[in-house]
Protein backbone atom coordinates (compact mmCIF):
# COMPACT_ATOMS: atom_id res chain seq x y z
CA MET A 1 0.00 0.00 0.00
CA ASP A 2 1.27 3.47 -0.88
CA ARG A 3 1.60 5.47 2.36
CA THR A 4 3.73 8.21 0.82
CA SER A 5 1.25 10.06 -1.39
CA VAL A 6 -1.51 10.40 1.23
CA ILE A 7 -0.93 10.54 5.00
CA PHE A 8 -4.05 10.44 7.20
CA GLY A 9 -6.10 11.77 4.32
CA ASN A 10 -3.65 14.59 3.61
CA ARG A 11 -2.34 14.47 0.04
CA MET A 12 1.35 15.18 -0.46
CA ASP A 13 2.50 17.43 -3.30
CA GLU A 14 4.26 15.99 -6.34
CA LYS A 15 7.63 17.42 -5.33
CA THR A 16 7.49 15.62 -1.99
CA ILE A 17 6.49 12.35 -3.64
CA ARG A 18 9.31 12.55 -6.20
CA LYS A 19 11.80 13.34 -3.44
CA ALA A 20 10.64 10.29 -1.46
CA GLU A 21 10.94 8.02 -4.48
CA LYS A 22 14.45 9.32 -5.19
CA SER A 23 15.43 8.66 -1.57
CA LYS A 24 14.39 5.01 -1.80
CA ALA A 25 16.12 4.65 -5.18
CA LYS A 26 19.30 6.09 -3.71
CA PHE A 27 19.43 3.44 -0.99
CA ILE A 28 18.73 0.65 -3.49
CA LYS A 29 21.57 1.90 -5.68
CA LYS A 30 23.91 2.07 -2.70
CA PHE A 31 22.97 -1.16 -0.91
CA GLY A 32 21.23 -3.32 -3.53
CA ASP A 33 17.64 -4.40 -4.14
CA ASP A 34 16.61 -7.40 -2.02
CA THR A 35 12.86 -6.87 -2.44
CA GLY A 36 12.31 -10.45 -3.60
CA LYS A 37 14.55 -12.08 -1.00
CA VAL A 38 13.19 -14.10 1.94
CA TYR A 39 14.99 -13.57 5.25
CA HIS A 40 14.26 -16.36 7.72
CA LEU A 41 14.50 -15.72 11.45
CA GLY A 42 15.68 -17.77 14.39
CA LEU A 43 15.69 -17.30 18.15
CA GLU A 44 18.57 -16.82 20.56
CA PRO A 45 18.13 -16.04 24.27
CA ILE A 46 19.47 -12.71 25.49
CA GLU A 47 21.17 -14.19 28.53
CA GLN A 48 22.64 -10.93 29.80
CA ILE A 49 19.31 -9.79 31.28
CA PRO A 50 17.45 -13.03 32.09
CA GLU A 51 14.94 -11.15 34.24
CA LEU A 52 13.33 -9.84 31.04
CA GLY A 53 13.02 -13.25 29.37
CA ILE A 54 13.85 -11.84 25.92
CA GLN A 55 14.50 -13.97 22.84
CA ASN A 56 16.57 -12.27 20.12
CA LEU A 57 15.39 -12.58 16.51
CA VAL A 58 18.44 -13.35 14.36
CA HIS A 59 19.08 -14.51 10.79
CA SER A 60 18.43 -18.19 10.16
CA ASP A 61 18.49 -20.63 7.26
CA GLU A 62 15.23 -22.19 8.47
CA PRO A 63 11.74 -20.67 8.93
CA LEU A 64 10.96 -19.24 12.35
CA LYS A 65 9.42 -21.43 15.03
CA LEU A 66 7.56 -19.16 17.41
CA PRO A 67 7.44 -19.68 21.19
CA GLU A 68 4.22 -19.57 23.17
CA ASN A 69 2.51 -16.16 23.45
CA PRO A 70 5.04 -14.15 21.44
CA LEU A 71 5.15 -10.36 21.29
CA VAL A 72 7.65 -8.68 18.99
CA VAL A 73 9.48 -5.55 20.10
CA GLY A 74 10.73 -3.87 16.94
CA ASN A 75 13.63 -1.51 17.60
CA ILE A 76 16.90 -0.02 16.46
CA ARG A 77 19.89 1.22 18.35
CA MET A 78 20.01 5.00 18.14
CA GLY A 79 21.94 6.04 21.21
CA PHE A 80 20.54 4.19 24.22
CA GLY A 81 17.04 5.68 24.22
CA HIS A 82 15.15 3.40 21.86
CA TYR A 83 16.85 0.31 23.31
CA ARG A 84 15.85 1.42 26.81
CA ILE A 85 12.20 1.88 25.79
CA ALA A 86 12.29 -1.51 24.06
CA MET A 87 13.53 -3.11 27.28
CA ALA A 88 10.69 -1.47 29.19
CA ILE A 89 8.12 -2.88 26.76
CA ALA A 90 9.76 -6.32 26.94
CA SER A 91 9.69 -6.21 30.74
CA CYS A 92 5.99 -5.37 30.82
CA ALA A 93 5.25 -8.01 28.17
CA LYS A 94 6.94 -10.69 30.26
CA HIS A 95 5.01 -9.62 33.34
CA LEU A 96 1.75 -9.92 31.38
CA GLY A 97 2.57 -13.45 30.25
CA TYR A 98 4.13 -12.90 26.82
CA THR A 99 7.46 -14.03 25.44
CA PRO A 100 9.16 -10.84 24.21
CA LEU A 101 11.00 -11.21 20.90
CA TRP A 102 13.74 -8.62 20.31
CA PHE A 103 13.75 -7.48 16.66
CA ASP A 104 16.61 -5.05 15.98
CA LEU A 105 16.07 -4.21 12.33
CA ALA A 106 19.50 -2.59 12.03
CA SER A 107 21.30 -5.82 12.96
CA PHE A 108 20.78 -7.76 9.71
CA ASP A 109 22.73 -7.89 6.46
CA ALA A 110 19.79 -6.57 4.45
CA THR A 111 19.23 -3.45 2.36
CA GLY A 112 16.77 -1.99 4.87
CA SER A 113 19.17 -2.66 7.76
CA LYS A 114 22.03 -0.94 5.95
CA MET A 115 19.73 2.00 5.22
CA ILE A 116 18.96 2.34 8.94
CA ARG A 117 22.61 2.14 9.93
CA SER A 118 23.63 4.79 7.40
CA GLN A 119 20.94 7.20 8.60
CA ASN A 120 21.81 6.53 12.22
CA GLU A 121 25.46 7.34 11.52
CA LEU A 122 24.45 10.69 10.04
CA TYR A 123 22.26 11.48 13.05
CA SER A 124 25.02 10.53 15.49
CA MET A 125 27.52 12.71 13.64
CA GLY A 126 25.11 15.64 13.68
CA SER A 127 24.48 15.22 17.42
CA LYS A 128 28.19 15.27 18.20
CA LEU A 129 28.85 18.26 15.95
CA SER A 130 26.03 20.15 17.63
CA GLN A 131 27.91 19.91 20.94
CA LYS A 132 31.22 21.04 19.48
CA ILE A 133 30.14 23.78 17.08
CA GLY A 134 27.70 26.30 18.51
CA LEU A 135 26.84 27.85 15.14
CA PHE A 136 26.01 24.43 13.67
CA ASN A 137 23.78 23.69 16.65
CA LYS A 138 21.98 27.04 16.35
CA LEU A 139 21.55 27.17 12.59
CA VAL A 140 21.19 23.47 11.69
CA TRP A 141 20.71 20.99 14.52
CA GLU A 142 18.18 22.75 16.74
CA PRO A 143 15.93 23.77 13.80
CA LEU A 144 16.15 20.31 12.25
CA ASN A 145 15.16 18.51 15.45
CA SER A 146 12.38 20.90 16.42
CA GLU A 147 10.93 21.93 13.04
CA GLY A 148 12.53 19.94 10.20
CA PHE A 149 11.49 16.53 11.54
CA ARG A 150 8.14 18.05 12.50
CA LYS A 151 6.89 18.42 8.92
CA ILE A 152 4.50 15.79 7.58
CA THR A 153 6.46 15.84 4.31
CA TYR A 154 9.42 14.34 6.17
CA ASN A 155 7.23 11.36 6.98
CA ALA A 156 6.53 10.79 3.28
CA ALA A 157 10.20 10.01 2.57
CA ASP A 158 10.51 7.74 5.61
CA GLN A 159 7.41 5.82 4.56
CA LYS A 160 8.88 5.20 1.12
CA ASN A 161 12.27 4.19 2.53
CA SER A 162 10.64 1.81 5.02
CA GLU A 163 9.29 -0.28 2.16
CA LEU A 164 12.85 -1.63 2.01
CA LEU A 165 12.35 -3.28 5.43
CA VAL A 166 9.56 -5.61 4.28
CA PRO A 167 11.75 -8.67 3.43
CA LEU A 168 12.80 -8.91 7.10
CA PHE A 169 9.20 -9.63 8.13
CA CYS A 170 8.60 -12.74 5.99
CA ASP A 171 8.49 -15.16 8.93
CA LEU A 172 6.19 -13.13 11.19
CA PRO A 173 2.45 -13.96 11.23
CA LYS A 174 0.35 -10.99 10.16
CA ASP A 175 -1.57 -10.91 13.45
CA ILE A 176 1.38 -11.25 15.83
CA PRO A 177 1.38 -8.55 18.57
CA TYR A 178 4.07 -6.05 17.61
CA VAL A 179 5.38 -2.90 19.31
CA GLY A 180 7.80 -0.57 17.50
CA THR A 181 9.97 1.62 19.73
CA HIS A 182 11.19 3.66 16.77
CA VAL A 183 9.09 4.75 13.83
CA TRP A 184 11.07 2.81 11.19
CA PRO A 185 10.34 -0.62 12.73
CA SER A 186 6.71 0.45 13.04
CA GLN A 187 6.52 1.58 9.42
CA GLY A 188 8.27 -1.56 8.22
CA ALA A 189 5.78 -3.76 10.07
CA VAL A 190 2.81 -1.92 8.57
CA HIS A 191 4.24 -2.15 5.05
CA ALA A 192 4.73 -5.88 5.64
CA GLY A 193 1.02 -6.26 6.36
CA LEU A 194 1.12 -6.78 10.13
CA THR A 195 -2.24 -5.91 11.68
CA HIS A 196 -1.45 -5.56 15.41
CA VAL A 197 1.23 -2.85 15.30
CA VAL A 198 1.65 -0.27 18.06
CA ASN A 199 4.00 2.62 17.37
CA ALA A 200 5.39 3.69 20.78
CA ILE A 201 6.29 7.34 20.19
CA PRO A 202 9.22 8.34 22.43
CA ASP A 203 9.20 12.15 22.59
CA ASN A 204 6.89 14.84 23.95
CA TRP A 205 7.21 17.11 20.88
CA PRO A 206 4.80 16.01 18.12
CA MET A 207 6.66 15.45 14.85
CA GLY A 208 5.69 14.08 11.45
CA LEU A 209 8.83 11.95 11.73
CA HIS A 210 7.04 9.65 14.20
CA LEU A 211 3.96 8.88 12.12
CA ALA A 212 3.38 5.29 11.00
CA GLU A 213 -0.09 5.25 9.49
CA GLY A 214 -1.65 1.82 9.79
CA SER A 215 -0.38 1.38 13.35
CA ILE A 216 -1.87 2.46 16.67
CA HIS A 217 0.13 5.47 17.82
CA ALA A 218 0.87 5.46 21.56
CA VAL A 219 1.97 8.66 23.31
CA GLN A 220 3.01 9.31 26.88
CA THR A 221 1.47 12.72 27.65
CA PRO A 222 -1.67 14.85 27.10
CA PHE A 223 0.44 17.47 25.28
CA ALA A 224 1.66 14.88 22.79
CA TYR A 225 -1.85 13.48 22.35
CA LEU A 226 -3.36 16.81 21.32
CA GLY A 227 -0.40 17.68 19.10
CA TYR A 228 -0.60 14.41 17.19
CA LYS A 229 -4.38 14.46 17.08
CA LYS A 230 -4.29 17.82 15.30
CA LEU A 231 -1.02 17.10 13.45
CA ASN A 232 -0.13 20.47 14.91
CA GLY A 233 2.48 22.48 13.04
CA MET A 234 3.26 19.68 10.60
CA ALA A 235 2.33 21.78 7.56
CA LYS A 236 1.61 25.42 6.72
CA GLU A 237 -1.95 24.58 5.77
CA LYS A 238 -4.55 23.04 8.06
CA LEU A 239 -4.32 19.24 8.05
CA LYS A 240 -7.00 16.62 8.53
CA PRO A 241 -6.61 15.21 12.07
CA MET A 242 -5.64 11.68 13.03
CA PRO A 243 -8.63 9.33 13.42
CA ASP A 244 -9.60 8.39 16.98
CA ASP A 245 -8.64 4.72 16.60
CA ASP A 246 -5.10 5.62 15.51
CA LEU A 247 -4.01 7.46 18.66
CA VAL A 248 -3.98 6.52 22.36
CA ARG A 249 -2.41 8.19 25.39
CA VAL A 250 -0.98 5.38 27.51
CA GLY A 251 1.40 6.95 30.04
CA HIS A 252 5.14 6.54 30.47
CA TYR A 253 6.98 3.50 29.10
CA ILE A 254 8.60 2.11 32.26
CA ASP A 255 9.92 -1.37 33.13
CA HIS A 256 7.79 -3.54 35.41
CA GLU A 257 10.76 -3.92 37.79
CA LEU A 258 10.82 -0.16 38.31
CA VAL A 259 7.07 0.47 38.46
CA SER A 260 6.37 -2.32 40.94
CA ASN A 261 9.06 -1.04 43.33
CA ILE A 262 8.29 2.70 43.26
CA GLU A 263 6.88 2.95 46.79
CA TYR A 264 9.75 0.93 48.28
CA ASP A 265 12.48 2.79 46.39
CA CYS A 266 11.07 6.21 47.24
CA ALA A 267 10.68 5.25 50.89
CA LYS A 268 14.35 4.21 50.99
CA ARG A 269 15.34 7.55 49.43
CA VAL A 270 13.42 9.49 52.06
CA GLU A 271 14.90 7.30 54.80
CA ARG A 272 18.43 8.09 53.57
CA LEU A 273 17.69 11.81 53.28
CA GLU A 274 16.32 11.99 56.81
CA SER A 275 19.25 10.03 58.24
CA GLY A 276 21.83 12.41 56.75
CA ALA A 277 23.35 9.77 54.48
CA PRO A 278 25.32 10.95 51.43
CA VAL A 279 23.04 11.89 48.53
CA ARG A 280 23.49 9.38 45.72
CA PHE A 281 23.97 10.88 42.25
CA LEU A 282 23.84 8.68 39.15
CA MET A 283 25.26 10.18 35.95
CA THR A 284 24.43 8.54 32.61
CA VAL A 285 27.42 9.55 30.49
CA GLY A 286 27.60 7.05 27.62
CA GLY A 287 29.67 8.43 24.77
CA ALA A 288 29.07 11.98 26.07
CA GLY A 289 28.90 13.40 22.59
CA ALA A 290 25.95 15.00 24.33
CA GLY A 291 27.25 17.24 27.11
CA GLY A 292 30.70 15.82 27.81
CA ASP A 293 32.08 19.07 29.27
CA LEU A 294 29.08 19.38 31.56
CA TYR A 295 29.60 15.87 32.94
CA LEU A 296 33.26 16.63 33.63
CA ALA A 297 32.38 19.84 35.46
CA MET A 298 29.80 18.08 37.60
CA ALA A 299 32.18 15.21 38.37
CA LYS A 300 34.83 17.66 39.60
CA TYR A 301 32.30 19.45 41.79
CA LEU A 302 30.74 16.26 43.14
CA TYR A 303 34.13 14.83 44.04
CA GLY A 304 34.53 17.61 46.60
CA LEU A 305 31.17 16.71 48.12
CA VAL A 306 32.13 13.03 48.13
CA LYS A 307 35.27 13.80 50.13
CA GLU A 308 33.12 15.71 52.63
CA GLY A 309 30.80 12.72 53.00
CA LYS A 310 27.85 14.64 51.56
CA ALA A 311 27.48 12.79 48.26
CA GLN A 312 28.07 9.50 46.50
CA LEU A 313 28.71 9.44 42.76
CA MET A 314 27.90 6.63 40.34
CA ILE A 315 28.90 7.07 36.68
CA ASN A 316 27.63 4.79 33.92
CA PHE A 317 29.76 5.11 30.78
CA GLY A 318 27.48 2.73 28.89
CA ASP A 319 29.64 0.93 26.34
CA HIS A 320 32.05 3.84 25.82
CA LEU A 321 35.21 3.00 27.76
CA ASP A 322 37.01 5.74 25.86
CA MET A 323 35.13 8.26 28.00
CA TRP A 324 36.84 6.80 31.05
CA ASP A 325 40.14 7.84 29.46
CA VAL A 326 38.77 11.37 29.07
CA PHE A 327 37.76 11.44 32.73
CA LYS A 328 41.16 10.14 33.84
CA LYS A 329 42.84 12.95 31.94
CA GLN A 330 40.48 15.73 33.00
CA VAL A 331 39.63 14.64 36.56
CA PRO A 332 42.60 12.48 37.64
CA GLU A 333 42.02 12.93 41.38
CA LEU A 334 38.50 11.52 41.03
CA CYS A 335 39.53 8.56 38.94
CA GLU A 336 42.36 7.59 41.29
CA ASN A 337 39.75 7.05 44.00
CA THR A 338 37.07 5.33 41.92
CA ARG A 339 35.97 1.73 42.21
CA THR A 340 35.32 0.38 38.71
CA PHE A 341 32.98 -2.28 37.36
CA PHE A 342 34.17 -2.68 33.78
CA ASN A 343 32.67 -5.69 31.96
CA ASP A 344 31.71 -7.08 35.36
CA TYR A 345 27.95 -7.14 35.18
CA ALA A 346 27.64 -9.91 37.76
CA GLY A 347 29.78 -7.89 40.15
CA LEU A 348 27.68 -4.78 39.51
CA LYS A 349 24.44 -6.64 40.26
CA ALA A 350 25.86 -8.07 43.48
CA TRP A 351 27.20 -4.65 44.54
CA ALA A 352 23.90 -2.94 43.75
CA GLU A 353 22.13 -5.32 46.13
CA THR A 354 24.33 -4.06 48.99
CA LEU A 355 23.41 -0.39 48.46
CA ASP A 356 20.60 -0.29 51.01
CA GLY A 357 23.16 0.67 53.64
CA VAL A 358 25.07 3.95 53.70
CA SER A 359 27.65 4.07 50.92
CA LYS A 360 30.35 6.59 50.12
CA GLY A 361 32.77 7.14 47.29
CA VAL A 362 32.84 7.15 43.50
CA TYR A 363 31.91 4.20 41.32
CA ALA A 364 32.21 3.79 37.55
CA PHE A 365 30.52 1.28 35.26
CA CYS A 366 31.11 0.31 31.65
CA HIS A 367 30.12 -2.79 29.68
CA ASN A 368 30.94 -3.71 26.09
CA ASP A 369 27.68 -5.59 25.80
CA ILE A 370 24.91 -3.18 24.81
CA PHE A 371 22.24 -4.91 26.91
CA GLU A 372 24.38 -4.81 30.04
CA ALA A 373 25.40 -1.22 29.30
CA VAL A 374 21.79 -0.01 29.04
CA TYR A 375 20.29 -2.12 31.81
CA SER A 376 23.00 -1.08 34.29
CA THR A 377 21.26 2.28 34.59
CA ASN A 378 17.98 0.50 35.35
CA LEU A 379 19.64 -1.39 38.20
CA LEU A 380 21.37 1.69 39.55
CA MET A 381 18.51 4.19 39.30
CA ARG A 382 16.51 2.18 41.82
CA LYS A 383 19.32 2.82 44.29
CA ALA A 384 20.01 6.44 43.29
CA ASP A 385 18.61 9.55 44.94
CA VAL A 386 19.18 11.75 41.89
CA LEU A 387 19.50 10.76 38.23
CA VAL A 388 21.55 13.28 36.23
CA THR A 389 20.42 13.15 32.60
CA LYS A 390 19.55 15.16 29.56
CA PRO A 391 15.76 15.36 29.03
CA SER A 392 15.52 12.39 26.67
CA GLU A 393 13.66 9.14 27.33
CA LEU A 394 14.93 9.15 30.92
CA ALA A 395 12.95 12.33 31.63
CA PHE A 396 9.89 10.07 31.97
CA TYR A 397 11.41 7.62 34.49
CA PRO A 398 10.22 7.40 38.13
CA VAL A 399 13.30 8.74 39.89
CA PRO A 400 14.18 12.30 41.03
CA LYS A 401 16.05 13.93 38.15
CA LEU A 402 18.53 16.72 37.65
CA LEU A 403 17.99 17.77 34.04
CA MET A 404 20.93 18.88 31.93
CA ARG A 405 20.85 20.92 28.72
CA HIS A 406 18.78 19.31 25.99
CA ILE A 407 20.31 17.88 22.81
CA GLY A 408 18.07 18.77 19.89
CA GLY A 409 15.03 21.02 20.14
CA HIS A 410 12.58 18.13 20.53
CA GLU A 411 13.98 17.33 23.99
CA VAL A 412 12.97 20.74 25.34
CA TYR A 413 9.40 19.53 25.73
CA GLY A 414 10.48 16.49 27.73
CA ALA A 415 12.18 18.86 30.15
CA VAL A 416 9.14 21.14 30.37
CA TYR A 417 6.83 18.19 30.99
CA SER A 418 9.04 16.56 33.61
CA ARG A 419 9.52 19.72 35.67
CA GLU A 420 5.76 20.39 35.55
CA MET A 421 5.05 16.86 36.74
CA GLY A 422 7.19 17.64 39.78
CA ASP A 423 9.74 14.81 39.67
CA ALA A 424 12.63 16.78 38.13
CA THR A 425 14.47 20.07 38.24
CA TYR A 426 14.15 22.61 35.49
CA GLU A 427 16.68 22.35 32.67
CA CYS A 428 20.13 23.49 33.86
CA GLU A 429 22.01 24.51 30.73
CA THR A 430 25.46 25.47 32.04
CA ALA A 431 28.09 23.96 34.32
CA PRO A 432 27.62 26.66 37.01
CA ALA A 433 23.85 26.13 36.95
CA LEU A 434 24.25 22.36 37.29
CA CYS A 435 26.75 22.61 40.14
CA ASP A 436 24.53 25.13 41.92
CA MET A 437 21.57 22.75 41.61
CA ILE A 438 23.69 19.88 42.96
CA SER A 439 24.57 22.05 45.96
CA THR A 440 20.90 22.86 46.51
CA LEU A 441 19.77 19.24 46.33
CA VAL A 442 22.45 18.21 48.83
CA SER A 443 21.71 21.02 51.31
CA ASP A 444 17.90 21.22 50.99
CA LYS A 445 16.62 17.67 51.40
CA GLN A 446 12.99 18.80 51.23
CA ILE A 447 13.23 19.19 47.45
CA LEU A 448 14.08 15.53 46.88
CA LYS A 449 11.54 14.40 49.46
CA GLN A 450 8.83 16.30 47.57
CA MET A 451 9.95 14.72 44.29
CA CYS A 452 9.68 11.27 45.87
CA ALA A 453 6.18 12.04 47.15
CA ARG A 454 5.20 13.24 43.71
CA ILE A 455 6.52 10.06 42.05
CA VAL A 456 4.33 7.95 44.35
CA GLU A 457 1.33 10.15 43.48
CA LEU A 458 1.99 9.70 39.77
CA LYS A 459 2.31 5.95 40.25
CA ASN A 460 -1.06 5.82 41.99
CA ALA A 461 -2.53 7.80 39.09
CA ARG A 462 -1.14 5.10 36.73
CA VAL A 463 1.04 7.62 34.89
CA TYR A 464 3.83 5.04 34.69
CA ASP A 465 1.65 2.26 33.23
CA GLY A 466 2.42 3.02 29.57
CA GLY A 467 4.46 -0.14 29.04
CA TYR A 468 1.63 -2.40 30.16
CA GLU A 469 -0.93 -0.46 28.12
CA VAL A 470 1.14 -0.66 24.93
CA VAL A 471 1.39 -4.45 25.28
CA LYS A 472 -2.37 -4.72 25.78
CA LEU A 473 -3.01 -2.57 22.71
CA ALA A 474 -0.76 -4.76 20.58
CA ALA A 475 -2.52 -7.88 21.79
CA ARG A 476 -5.98 -6.49 20.95
CA GLY A 477 -5.05 -4.78 17.70
CA ARG A 478 -8.00 -2.87 16.26
CA GLU A 479 -10.73 -5.11 17.65
């Protein structure tokens, strides 16, 4: 079905259609045309995080044999965000009795997979340049992420390109429950004829980029719901709205392990704050193309508080050990006194279980395995008092948050939402502002106690139930 020429009843102009067709032709010329090829799938357990019960869909020479009650989580790695949301959906699926199947469309040797990887490389390069070159960020990156991706015409090209993903879906039954945690896996599933597709939209800023007509669009907030319903700002002219059955507000996409322990974890935070224990800060650094200088400044400042017994610092480098070398060079005194868990996931899990007592010092984590790298933050945030993060997917997680400067204009609205919900600070854009906020959170414990109370309120209002609701939607389809 052609989903490029008309999007939710809104006809695209001929220039947009020709541009979309040229984009698809460009990728075929570069990576080959495998439209008629059949890619079979097999299953391999993802043993690194057995608590989620995930089976990985990989290339196979034989047709796929499905397990009992399967639910596919279609995803790609673009930073850590989409993987983290996919893990949350998988966790909720397992809790509801499904076998989650991990379908990373960028991991195959197929034309569509190569297309995704090439586009992801461009996005990653742009993100890093935006942090190094202020003029590029102001004139190119911010406008692209806030307005360029917002246009419905951008969706037309993505829809055409996603036709290249269809051969990867040959082994999947048309009615299998399917959740896409990035728009390309959602679009690919729809083009392949799957009928129970939920497109889990990650951001709070409505953009044409995230549309996958033919799927059920799930959003996390009322602001996103209204923006998508009206297709607000996606064209100069007034657009026909999305139909009711195509859009559902579900709440935040959060892992079952986190949601089910909110009251306990917040109670432990309050207990530590009232006892005068060091305030635990968790920094999610990763490759730090996003905000590397800010992380270094905060680490230097926090180290002084650690020595005074007022703070504890945990740093997750994700799968970017090279950032540890940067920290050693820039903050040598901190690194000389840091306990490291590098490619020691079992040791990290055992250590995390001991964190209910008072802990001091600096701890660093890094794992080559992407699943261990991402899920380490999930383990640690339950034990943290403050999560230091840019306002990306983590802005929606049930832990008190210190919000850094956004990366890309679309993240602004995650920061606005989170601070209004009361479980995060406002966006602190500079190193002095971040260090000042750290000082405030350490000296004025009432702020964090109020954030914890607010998180429990939001949990009782089922704000964090989005992962469960997405799974239920995929199971029902459009019944």
